[in-house]
Amino acid sequence: MQNNHILFFLYYSCPFIVGLLSATLICYFIVPRLIKIVTVDIEITPPQGIGSDEWNPATSPSNYAGKWLGVLEVILYYVAFLIGKPELIAGWFVFKVGSKWEVWHNIVKVPDLVDGIDQIDYLRSRHNWGAFVLNRFTFGTLSNVIIAMLGTVIYRIVEISLWPQ
């Protein structure tokens, strides 16, 4: 009797699980590679007067944390699409932008000038670093939304194949 309940549960949760696994695996393995492609032409070189040993650790992202945040975002978006609550996605966007703004404005904000560093060279380095961070942030978020949509489509395909109308 208990085996029937497990089979029943698996049968009816199969579309959800297949869609979720598809979306999370695509996010975890594909998005970081795509982000490298869209940011490959942005050189985050230090300005003259600041060594790479100081500049690189200060400007390098944490890819490990970003991967897991991306997976959690995809799960949130996927569930929001399935239950028909896009306001969950909008709420996350507001939180995400607000958090990013707060961190950059009050914690990570770099000085406008650094003594002994050419201003134009420093501006170039800051511009390239900012472009890299912005591209990674926006491309990652948009990719996660699209992947969650794809997971929802996979859910619907599996659902239709298991339970034809």
N, C-alpha and C. Protein backbone atom coordinates (compact mmCIF):
# COMPACT_ATOMS: atom_id res chain seq x y z
N MET A 1 0.82 -1.19 0.00
CA MET A 1 0.00 0.00 0.00
C MET A 1 0.86 1.27 0.00
N GLN A 2 1.93 1.27 0.83
CA GLN A 2 2.78 2.45 0.92
C GLN A 2 3.53 2.67 -0.39
N ASN A 3 3.93 1.60 -1.08
CA ASN A 3 4.61 1.73 -2.37
C ASN A 3 3.72 2.43 -3.39
N ASN A 4 2.43 2.18 -3.33
CA ASN A 4 1.50 2.84 -4.25
C ASN A 4 1.47 4.35 -4.02
N HIS A 5 1.56 4.76 -2.75
CA HIS A 5 1.58 6.19 -2.45
C HIS A 5 2.85 6.84 -2.99
N ILE A 6 3.97 6.15 -2.87
CA ILE A 6 5.23 6.69 -3.38
C ILE A 6 5.18 6.79 -4.90
N LEU A 7 4.69 5.76 -5.56
CA LEU A 7 4.57 5.80 -7.02
C LEU A 7 3.60 6.89 -7.46
N PHE A 8 2.51 7.04 -6.75
CA PHE A 8 1.53 8.09 -7.04
C PHE A 8 2.19 9.46 -6.94
N PHE A 9 2.94 9.67 -5.85
CA PHE A 9 3.62 10.94 -5.64
C PHE A 9 4.64 11.20 -6.75
N LEU A 10 5.45 10.20 -7.07
CA LEU A 10 6.46 10.36 -8.11
C LEU A 10 5.83 10.64 -9.47
N TYR A 11 4.76 9.94 -9.77
CA TYR A 11 4.08 10.12 -11.06
C TYR A 11 3.56 11.54 -11.21
N TYR A 12 2.93 12.06 -10.16
CA TYR A 12 2.34 13.38 -10.26
C TYR A 12 3.33 14.52 -10.00
N SER A 13 4.47 14.22 -9.42
CA SER A 13 5.47 15.27 -9.23
C SER A 13 6.54 15.24 -10.32
N CYS A 14 6.49 14.27 -11.19
CA CYS A 14 7.49 14.10 -12.24
C CYS A 14 7.67 15.36 -13.11
N PRO A 15 6.61 15.98 -13.62
CA PRO A 15 6.83 17.19 -14.44
C PRO A 15 7.54 18.30 -13.67
N PHE A 16 7.15 18.49 -12.40
CA PHE A 16 7.79 19.53 -11.59
C PHE A 16 9.27 19.24 -11.41
N ILE A 17 9.59 17.99 -11.06
CA ILE A 17 10.98 17.61 -10.81
C ILE A 17 11.82 17.71 -12.07
N VAL A 18 11.29 17.24 -13.20
CA VAL A 18 12.04 17.30 -14.46
C VAL A 18 12.29 18.75 -14.87
N GLY A 19 11.27 19.59 -14.77
CA GLY A 19 11.44 21.01 -15.11
C GLY A 19 12.43 21.69 -14.19
N LEU A 20 12.33 21.42 -12.90
CA LEU A 20 13.23 22.03 -11.91
C LEU A 20 14.67 21.59 -12.11
N LEU A 21 14.87 20.29 -12.27
CA LEU A 21 16.23 19.79 -12.49
C LEU A 21 16.83 20.33 -13.78
N SER A 22 16.03 20.38 -14.83
CA SER A 22 16.52 20.93 -16.10
C SER A 22 16.98 22.36 -15.93
N ALA A 23 16.14 23.17 -15.31
CA ALA A 23 16.46 24.58 -15.14
C ALA A 23 17.68 24.78 -14.25
N THR A 24 17.75 24.07 -13.13
CA THR A 24 18.87 24.29 -12.21
C THR A 24 20.19 23.79 -12.79
N LEU A 25 20.15 22.68 -13.50
CA LEU A 25 21.39 22.18 -14.11
C LEU A 25 21.88 23.10 -15.22
N ILE A 26 20.96 23.59 -16.04
CA ILE A 26 21.35 24.55 -17.09
C ILE A 26 21.96 25.79 -16.45
N CYS A 27 21.31 26.28 -15.40
CA CYS A 27 21.81 27.47 -14.71
C CYS A 27 23.20 27.24 -14.15
N TYR A 28 23.39 26.15 -13.44
CA TYR A 28 24.65 25.90 -12.75
C TYR A 28 25.82 25.69 -13.71
N PHE A 29 25.56 24.98 -14.81
CA PHE A 29 26.66 24.63 -15.71
C PHE A 29 26.81 25.55 -16.92
N ILE A 30 25.73 26.13 -17.41
CA ILE A 30 25.80 26.89 -18.66
C ILE A 30 25.98 28.39 -18.41
N VAL A 31 25.25 28.96 -17.47
CA VAL A 31 25.29 30.42 -17.28
C VAL A 31 26.70 30.93 -16.98
N PRO A 32 27.48 30.30 -16.10
CA PRO A 32 28.84 30.83 -15.88
C PRO A 32 29.67 30.87 -17.16
N ARG A 33 29.50 29.89 -18.02
CA ARG A 33 30.24 29.88 -19.29
C ARG A 33 29.76 31.01 -20.21
N LEU A 34 28.44 31.24 -20.23
CA LEU A 34 27.91 32.33 -21.05
C LEU A 34 28.37 33.69 -20.53
N ILE A 35 28.42 33.83 -19.21
CA ILE A 35 28.88 35.09 -18.63
C ILE A 35 30.34 35.35 -19.01
N LYS A 36 31.15 34.29 -19.03
CA LYS A 36 32.55 34.47 -19.46
C LYS A 36 32.61 34.96 -20.90
N ILE A 37 31.70 34.46 -21.75
CA ILE A 37 31.68 34.87 -23.15
C ILE A 37 31.32 36.35 -23.27
N VAL A 38 30.29 36.81 -22.54
CA VAL A 38 29.86 38.20 -22.69
C VAL A 38 30.77 39.19 -21.98
N THR A 39 31.67 38.70 -21.13
CA THR A 39 32.59 39.62 -20.44
C THR A 39 34.04 39.42 -20.88
N VAL A 40 34.28 38.57 -21.84
CA VAL A 40 35.65 38.23 -22.23
C VAL A 40 36.42 39.43 -22.79
N ASP A 41 35.72 40.34 -23.44
CA ASP A 41 36.43 41.47 -24.05
C ASP A 41 36.63 42.65 -23.09
N ILE A 42 36.24 42.49 -21.84
CA ILE A 42 36.41 43.56 -20.87
C ILE A 42 37.67 43.27 -20.05
N GLU A 43 38.67 44.09 -20.23
CA GLU A 43 39.93 43.92 -19.48
C GLU A 43 39.84 44.70 -18.17
N ILE A 44 39.97 43.98 -17.08
CA ILE A 44 39.95 44.63 -15.77
C ILE A 44 41.41 44.77 -15.32
N THR A 45 42.13 45.63 -16.01
CA THR A 45 43.54 45.82 -15.70
C THR A 45 43.69 46.95 -14.68
N PRO A 46 44.67 46.82 -13.83
CA PRO A 46 44.87 47.88 -12.82
C PRO A 46 45.42 49.14 -13.47
N PRO A 47 45.11 50.30 -12.88
CA PRO A 47 45.73 51.53 -13.38
C PRO A 47 47.22 51.52 -13.03
N GLN A 48 47.98 52.26 -13.81
CA GLN A 48 49.42 52.35 -13.54
C GLN A 48 49.62 52.90 -12.14
N GLY A 49 50.46 52.21 -11.38
CA GLY A 49 50.73 52.63 -10.01
C GLY A 49 50.09 51.71 -8.98
N ILE A 50 49.16 50.87 -9.44
CA ILE A 50 48.56 49.88 -8.55
C ILE A 50 48.91 48.51 -9.13
N GLY A 51 49.52 47.67 -8.34
CA GLY A 51 49.95 46.36 -8.83
C GLY A 51 48.79 45.39 -8.97
N SER A 52 48.98 44.44 -9.86
CA SER A 52 47.96 43.39 -10.07
C SER A 52 47.71 42.60 -8.79
N ASP A 53 48.76 42.44 -7.98
CA ASP A 53 48.60 41.70 -6.72
C ASP A 53 47.65 42.41 -5.76
N GLU A 54 47.47 43.72 -5.90
CA GLU A 54 46.52 44.47 -5.08
C GLU A 54 45.17 44.62 -5.78
N TRP A 55 45.21 44.90 -7.09
CA TRP A 55 44.00 45.20 -7.86
C TRP A 55 43.13 43.95 -8.08
N ASN A 56 43.75 42.86 -8.50
CA ASN A 56 42.97 41.68 -8.86
C ASN A 56 42.14 41.11 -7.70
N PRO A 57 42.69 40.93 -6.51
CA PRO A 57 41.84 40.43 -5.42
C PRO A 57 40.69 41.38 -5.07
N ALA A 58 40.92 42.68 -5.26
CA ALA A 58 39.88 43.66 -4.92
C ALA A 58 38.76 43.70 -5.95
N THR A 59 39.05 43.29 -7.19
CA THR A 59 38.05 43.41 -8.25
C THR A 59 37.54 42.07 -8.77
N SER A 60 38.08 40.97 -8.28
CA SER A 60 37.67 39.65 -8.78
C SER A 60 36.40 39.19 -8.08
N PRO A 61 35.45 38.64 -8.88
CA PRO A 61 34.20 38.17 -8.28
C PRO A 61 34.36 36.81 -7.62
N SER A 62 33.42 36.50 -6.75
CA SER A 62 33.34 35.16 -6.16
C SER A 62 32.40 34.34 -7.04
N ASN A 63 32.96 33.50 -7.89
CA ASN A 63 32.13 32.72 -8.81
C ASN A 63 31.32 31.65 -8.10
N TYR A 64 31.86 31.10 -7.03
CA TYR A 64 31.16 30.02 -6.33
C TYR A 64 29.84 30.52 -5.74
N ALA A 65 29.88 31.64 -5.04
CA ALA A 65 28.65 32.19 -4.44
C ALA A 65 27.67 32.60 -5.52
N GLY A 66 28.17 33.17 -6.60
CA GLY A 66 27.31 33.59 -7.70
C GLY A 66 26.58 32.43 -8.35
N LYS A 67 27.24 31.30 -8.49
CA LYS A 67 26.59 30.12 -9.07
C LYS A 67 25.40 29.69 -8.23
N TRP A 68 25.61 29.62 -6.92
CA TRP A 68 24.52 29.15 -6.05
C TRP A 68 23.41 30.17 -5.93
N LEU A 69 23.74 31.45 -5.96
CA LEU A 69 22.69 32.46 -5.97
C LEU A 69 21.88 32.35 -7.26
N GLY A 70 22.57 32.11 -8.36
CA GLY A 70 21.87 31.93 -9.63
C GLY A 70 20.91 30.74 -9.60
N VAL A 71 21.35 29.64 -9.03
CA VAL A 71 20.49 28.45 -8.93
C VAL A 71 19.27 28.77 -8.07
N LEU A 72 19.47 29.44 -6.95
CA LEU A 72 18.33 29.80 -6.09
C LEU A 72 17.38 30.76 -6.80
N GLU A 73 17.93 31.70 -7.58
CA GLU A 73 17.08 32.59 -8.37
C GLU A 73 16.24 31.81 -9.37
N VAL A 74 16.85 30.88 -10.07
CA VAL A 74 16.12 30.08 -11.05
C VAL A 74 14.98 29.32 -10.37
N ILE A 75 15.25 28.76 -9.19
CA ILE A 75 14.20 28.03 -8.46
C ILE A 75 13.06 28.99 -8.11
N LEU A 76 13.39 30.17 -7.61
CA LEU A 76 12.36 31.16 -7.27
C LEU A 76 11.55 31.53 -8.51
N TYR A 77 12.22 31.84 -9.61
CA TYR A 77 11.52 32.24 -10.84
C TYR A 77 10.66 31.10 -11.38
N TYR A 78 11.20 29.90 -11.35
CA TYR A 78 10.49 28.71 -11.84
C TYR A 78 9.19 28.51 -11.06
N VAL A 79 9.29 28.55 -9.74
CA VAL A 79 8.09 28.37 -8.92
C VAL A 79 7.11 29.52 -9.15
N ALA A 80 7.62 30.74 -9.25
CA ALA A 80 6.75 31.89 -9.50
C ALA A 80 5.99 31.74 -10.82
N PHE A 81 6.67 31.28 -11.86
CA PHE A 81 6.00 31.05 -13.14
C PHE A 81 4.94 29.96 -13.02
N LEU A 82 5.28 28.88 -12.34
CA LEU A 82 4.34 27.76 -12.23
C LEU A 82 3.09 28.12 -11.44
N ILE A 83 3.24 28.91 -10.39
CA ILE A 83 2.06 29.26 -9.60
C ILE A 83 1.40 30.55 -10.07
N GLY A 84 1.93 31.13 -11.14
CA GLY A 84 1.32 32.32 -11.71
C GLY A 84 1.44 33.56 -10.84
N LYS A 85 2.58 33.72 -10.18
CA LYS A 85 2.82 34.87 -9.31
C LYS A 85 4.08 35.64 -9.73
N PRO A 86 4.00 36.36 -10.85
CA PRO A 86 5.18 37.11 -11.31
C PRO A 86 5.60 38.21 -10.33
N GLU A 87 4.70 38.60 -9.44
CA GLU A 87 5.08 39.63 -8.47
C GLU A 87 6.18 39.16 -7.53
N LEU A 88 6.33 37.84 -7.37
CA LEU A 88 7.46 37.32 -6.60
C LEU A 88 8.78 37.67 -7.29
N ILE A 89 8.78 37.56 -8.60
CA ILE A 89 9.98 37.91 -9.38
C ILE A 89 10.24 39.41 -9.28
N ALA A 90 9.19 40.20 -9.42
CA ALA A 90 9.35 41.66 -9.32
C ALA A 90 9.87 42.05 -7.94
N GLY A 91 9.34 41.41 -6.91
CA GLY A 91 9.81 41.70 -5.55
C GLY A 91 11.27 41.35 -5.37
N TRP A 92 11.69 40.23 -5.96
CA TRP A 92 13.10 39.84 -5.87
C TRP A 92 13.98 40.85 -6.62
N PHE A 93 13.51 41.31 -7.79
CA PHE A 93 14.27 42.31 -8.54
C PHE A 93 14.47 43.57 -7.70
N VAL A 94 13.42 44.02 -7.04
CA VAL A 94 13.52 45.22 -6.21
C VAL A 94 14.54 44.99 -5.09
N PHE A 95 14.43 43.84 -4.42
CA PHE A 95 15.38 43.53 -3.35
C PHE A 95 16.80 43.45 -3.89
N LYS A 96 16.96 42.80 -5.04
CA LYS A 96 18.29 42.60 -5.61
C LYS A 96 18.94 43.93 -6.00
N VAL A 97 18.19 44.79 -6.66
CA VAL A 97 18.72 46.09 -7.06
C VAL A 97 19.01 46.95 -5.83
N GLY A 98 18.09 46.94 -4.87
CA GLY A 98 18.32 47.70 -3.64
C GLY A 98 19.55 47.23 -2.89
N SER A 99 19.72 45.92 -2.80
CA SER A 99 20.89 45.36 -2.13
C SER A 99 22.17 45.73 -2.86
N LYS A 100 22.15 45.59 -4.17
CA LYS A 100 23.33 45.92 -4.97
C LYS A 100 23.68 47.41 -4.81
N TRP A 101 22.65 48.23 -4.88
CA TRP A 101 22.87 49.68 -4.71
C TRP A 101 23.49 49.97 -3.35
N GLU A 102 22.93 49.41 -2.29
CA GLU A 102 23.41 49.67 -0.93
C GLU A 102 24.86 49.22 -0.77
N VAL A 103 25.17 48.04 -1.26
CA VAL A 103 26.54 47.52 -1.13
C VAL A 103 27.52 48.41 -1.90
N TRP A 104 27.17 48.75 -3.13
CA TRP A 104 28.09 49.56 -3.93
C TRP A 104 28.18 50.98 -3.41
N HIS A 105 27.07 51.52 -2.97
CA HIS A 105 27.07 52.91 -2.54
C HIS A 105 27.78 53.11 -1.20
N ASN A 106 27.60 52.18 -0.28
CA ASN A 106 28.11 52.39 1.08
C ASN A 106 29.29 51.51 1.47
N ILE A 107 29.53 50.43 0.76
CA ILE A 107 30.60 49.53 1.18
C ILE A 107 31.72 49.48 0.15
N VAL A 108 31.38 49.20 -1.10
CA VAL A 108 32.39 48.95 -2.13
C VAL A 108 32.81 50.22 -2.86
N LYS A 109 32.13 51.30 -2.65
CA LYS A 109 32.41 52.53 -3.40
C LYS A 109 33.91 52.84 -3.39
N VAL A 110 34.43 52.99 -4.59
CA VAL A 110 35.86 53.28 -4.71
C VAL A 110 36.06 54.80 -4.69
N PRO A 111 37.21 55.23 -4.25
CA PRO A 111 37.46 56.68 -4.20
C PRO A 111 37.51 57.28 -5.60
N ASP A 112 37.12 58.54 -5.68
CA ASP A 112 37.16 59.23 -6.97
C ASP A 112 38.59 59.48 -7.44
N LEU A 113 39.48 59.67 -6.50
CA LEU A 113 40.89 59.92 -6.81
C LEU A 113 41.76 59.07 -5.90
N VAL A 114 42.91 58.66 -6.43
CA VAL A 114 43.91 57.97 -5.63
C VAL A 114 45.22 58.70 -5.85
N ASP A 115 45.84 59.12 -4.77
CA ASP A 115 47.11 59.86 -4.87
C ASP A 115 48.15 59.04 -5.63
N GLY A 116 48.84 59.70 -6.55
CA GLY A 116 49.92 59.07 -7.29
C GLY A 116 49.45 58.25 -8.48
N ILE A 117 48.14 58.26 -8.78
CA ILE A 117 47.60 57.49 -9.91
C ILE A 117 47.04 58.48 -10.92
N ASP A 118 47.38 58.26 -12.19
CA ASP A 118 46.85 59.10 -13.27
C ASP A 118 45.32 59.00 -13.28
N GLN A 119 44.64 60.14 -13.28
CA GLN A 119 43.18 60.17 -13.19
C GLN A 119 42.50 59.47 -14.37
N ILE A 120 43.00 59.70 -15.57
CA ILE A 120 42.39 59.09 -16.76
C ILE A 120 42.60 57.58 -16.74
N ASP A 121 43.78 57.13 -16.38
CA ASP A 121 44.04 55.69 -16.32
C ASP A 121 43.18 55.03 -15.23
N TYR A 122 43.04 55.73 -14.11
CA TYR A 122 42.21 55.22 -13.02
C TYR A 122 40.73 55.16 -13.45
N LEU A 123 40.28 56.18 -14.17
CA LEU A 123 38.91 56.20 -14.68
C LEU A 123 38.68 55.02 -15.64
N ARG A 124 39.65 54.74 -16.51
CA ARG A 124 39.54 53.62 -17.43
C ARG A 124 39.40 52.30 -16.68
N SER A 125 40.22 52.11 -15.68
CA SER A 125 40.17 50.88 -14.90
C SER A 125 38.84 50.74 -14.17
N ARG A 126 38.37 51.82 -13.56
CA ARG A 126 37.07 51.79 -12.87
C ARG A 126 35.94 51.53 -13.85
N HIS A 127 36.02 52.17 -15.02
CA HIS A 127 34.98 51.98 -16.04
C HIS A 127 34.92 50.51 -16.48
N ASN A 128 36.07 49.92 -16.76
CA ASN A 128 36.10 48.52 -17.20
C ASN A 128 35.60 47.58 -16.11
N TRP A 129 35.99 47.82 -14.89
CA TRP A 129 35.53 46.99 -13.78
C TRP A 129 34.01 47.13 -13.63
N GLY A 130 33.51 48.37 -13.70
CA GLY A 130 32.07 48.61 -13.60
C GLY A 130 31.30 47.95 -14.73
N ALA A 131 31.85 48.02 -15.96
CA ALA A 131 31.20 47.37 -17.10
C ALA A 131 31.14 45.86 -16.91
N PHE A 132 32.22 45.29 -16.40
CA PHE A 132 32.26 43.85 -16.14
C PHE A 132 31.19 43.45 -15.12
N VAL A 133 31.12 44.17 -14.01
CA VAL A 133 30.17 43.85 -12.95
C VAL A 133 28.73 44.03 -13.44
N LEU A 134 28.47 45.11 -14.16
CA LEU A 134 27.13 45.37 -14.68
C LEU A 134 26.72 44.29 -15.68
N ASN A 135 27.61 43.95 -16.61
CA ASN A 135 27.29 42.91 -17.59
C ASN A 135 27.01 41.57 -16.91
N ARG A 136 27.83 41.22 -15.94
CA ARG A 136 27.63 39.96 -15.23
C ARG A 136 26.31 39.97 -14.47
N PHE A 137 26.01 41.05 -13.81
CA PHE A 137 24.78 41.19 -13.02
C PHE A 137 23.54 41.11 -13.91
N THR A 138 23.48 41.92 -14.95
CA THR A 138 22.28 41.95 -15.80
C THR A 138 22.16 40.69 -16.65
N PHE A 139 23.25 40.23 -17.22
CA PHE A 139 23.19 39.03 -18.05
C PHE A 139 22.83 37.80 -17.21
N GLY A 140 23.39 37.70 -16.02
CA GLY A 140 23.07 36.58 -15.14
C GLY A 140 21.61 36.57 -14.74
N THR A 141 21.08 37.74 -14.38
CA THR A 141 19.68 37.83 -13.98
C THR A 141 18.76 37.49 -15.15
N LEU A 142 19.00 38.08 -16.30
CA LEU A 142 18.16 37.80 -17.47
C LEU A 142 18.26 36.34 -17.89
N SER A 143 19.45 35.77 -17.84
CA SER A 143 19.62 34.35 -18.17
C SER A 143 18.82 33.48 -17.22
N ASN A 144 18.81 33.82 -15.95
CA ASN A 144 18.07 33.03 -14.97
C ASN A 144 16.56 33.08 -15.22
N VAL A 145 16.06 34.24 -15.61
CA VAL A 145 14.64 34.35 -15.94
C VAL A 145 14.31 33.48 -17.15
N ILE A 146 15.13 33.57 -18.19
CA ILE A 146 14.89 32.78 -19.41
C ILE A 146 14.99 31.29 -19.11
N ILE A 147 15.95 30.89 -18.31
CA ILE A 147 16.11 29.47 -17.95
C ILE A 147 14.90 28.99 -17.14
N ALA A 148 14.40 29.82 -16.24
CA ALA A 148 13.20 29.44 -15.48
C ALA A 148 12.00 29.29 -16.42
N MET A 149 11.90 30.15 -17.41
CA MET A 149 10.83 30.01 -18.42
C MET A 149 10.99 28.69 -19.17
N LEU A 150 12.23 28.38 -19.53
CA LEU A 150 12.50 27.12 -20.22
C LEU A 150 12.12 25.93 -19.34
N GLY A 151 12.45 25.99 -18.06
CA GLY A 151 12.06 24.94 -17.12
C GLY A 151 10.55 24.78 -17.06
N THR A 152 9.83 25.91 -17.13
CA THR A 152 8.37 25.88 -17.12
C THR A 152 7.84 25.22 -18.39
N VAL A 153 8.48 25.51 -19.52
CA VAL A 153 8.08 24.86 -20.78
C VAL A 153 8.33 23.36 -20.70
N ILE A 154 9.47 22.98 -20.16
CA ILE A 154 9.78 21.55 -19.99
C ILE A 154 8.74 20.90 -19.07
N TYR A 155 8.38 21.59 -18.01
CA TYR A 155 7.32 21.10 -17.11
C TYR A 155 6.05 20.82 -17.91
N ARG A 156 5.63 21.77 -18.73
CA ARG A 156 4.38 21.62 -19.51
C ARG A 156 4.49 20.47 -20.51
N ILE A 157 5.64 20.32 -21.14
CA ILE A 157 5.82 19.22 -22.11
C ILE A 157 5.71 17.87 -21.41
N VAL A 158 6.39 17.74 -20.27
CA VAL A 158 6.33 16.47 -19.52
C VAL A 158 4.90 16.24 -19.02
N GLU A 159 4.27 17.29 -18.56
CA GLU A 159 2.90 17.18 -18.05
C GLU A 159 1.95 16.69 -19.16
N ILE A 160 2.07 17.27 -20.34
CA ILE A 160 1.20 16.89 -21.47
C ILE A 160 1.50 15.47 -21.92
N SER A 161 2.79 15.09 -21.91
CA SER A 161 3.13 13.74 -22.34
C SER A 161 2.67 12.68 -21.35
N LEU A 162 2.63 13.02 -20.06
CA LEU A 162 2.17 12.07 -19.05
C LEU A 162 0.64 12.03 -18.95
N TRP A 163 0.03 13.19 -19.09
CA TRP A 163 -1.42 13.29 -18.89
C TRP A 163 -2.07 13.98 -20.08
N PRO A 164 -2.14 13.28 -21.23
CA PRO A 164 -2.75 13.92 -22.40
C PRO A 164 -4.20 14.29 -22.12
N GLN A 165 -4.61 15.40 -22.66
CA GLN A 165 -5.98 15.90 -22.44
C GLN A 165 -7.01 15.07 -23.19
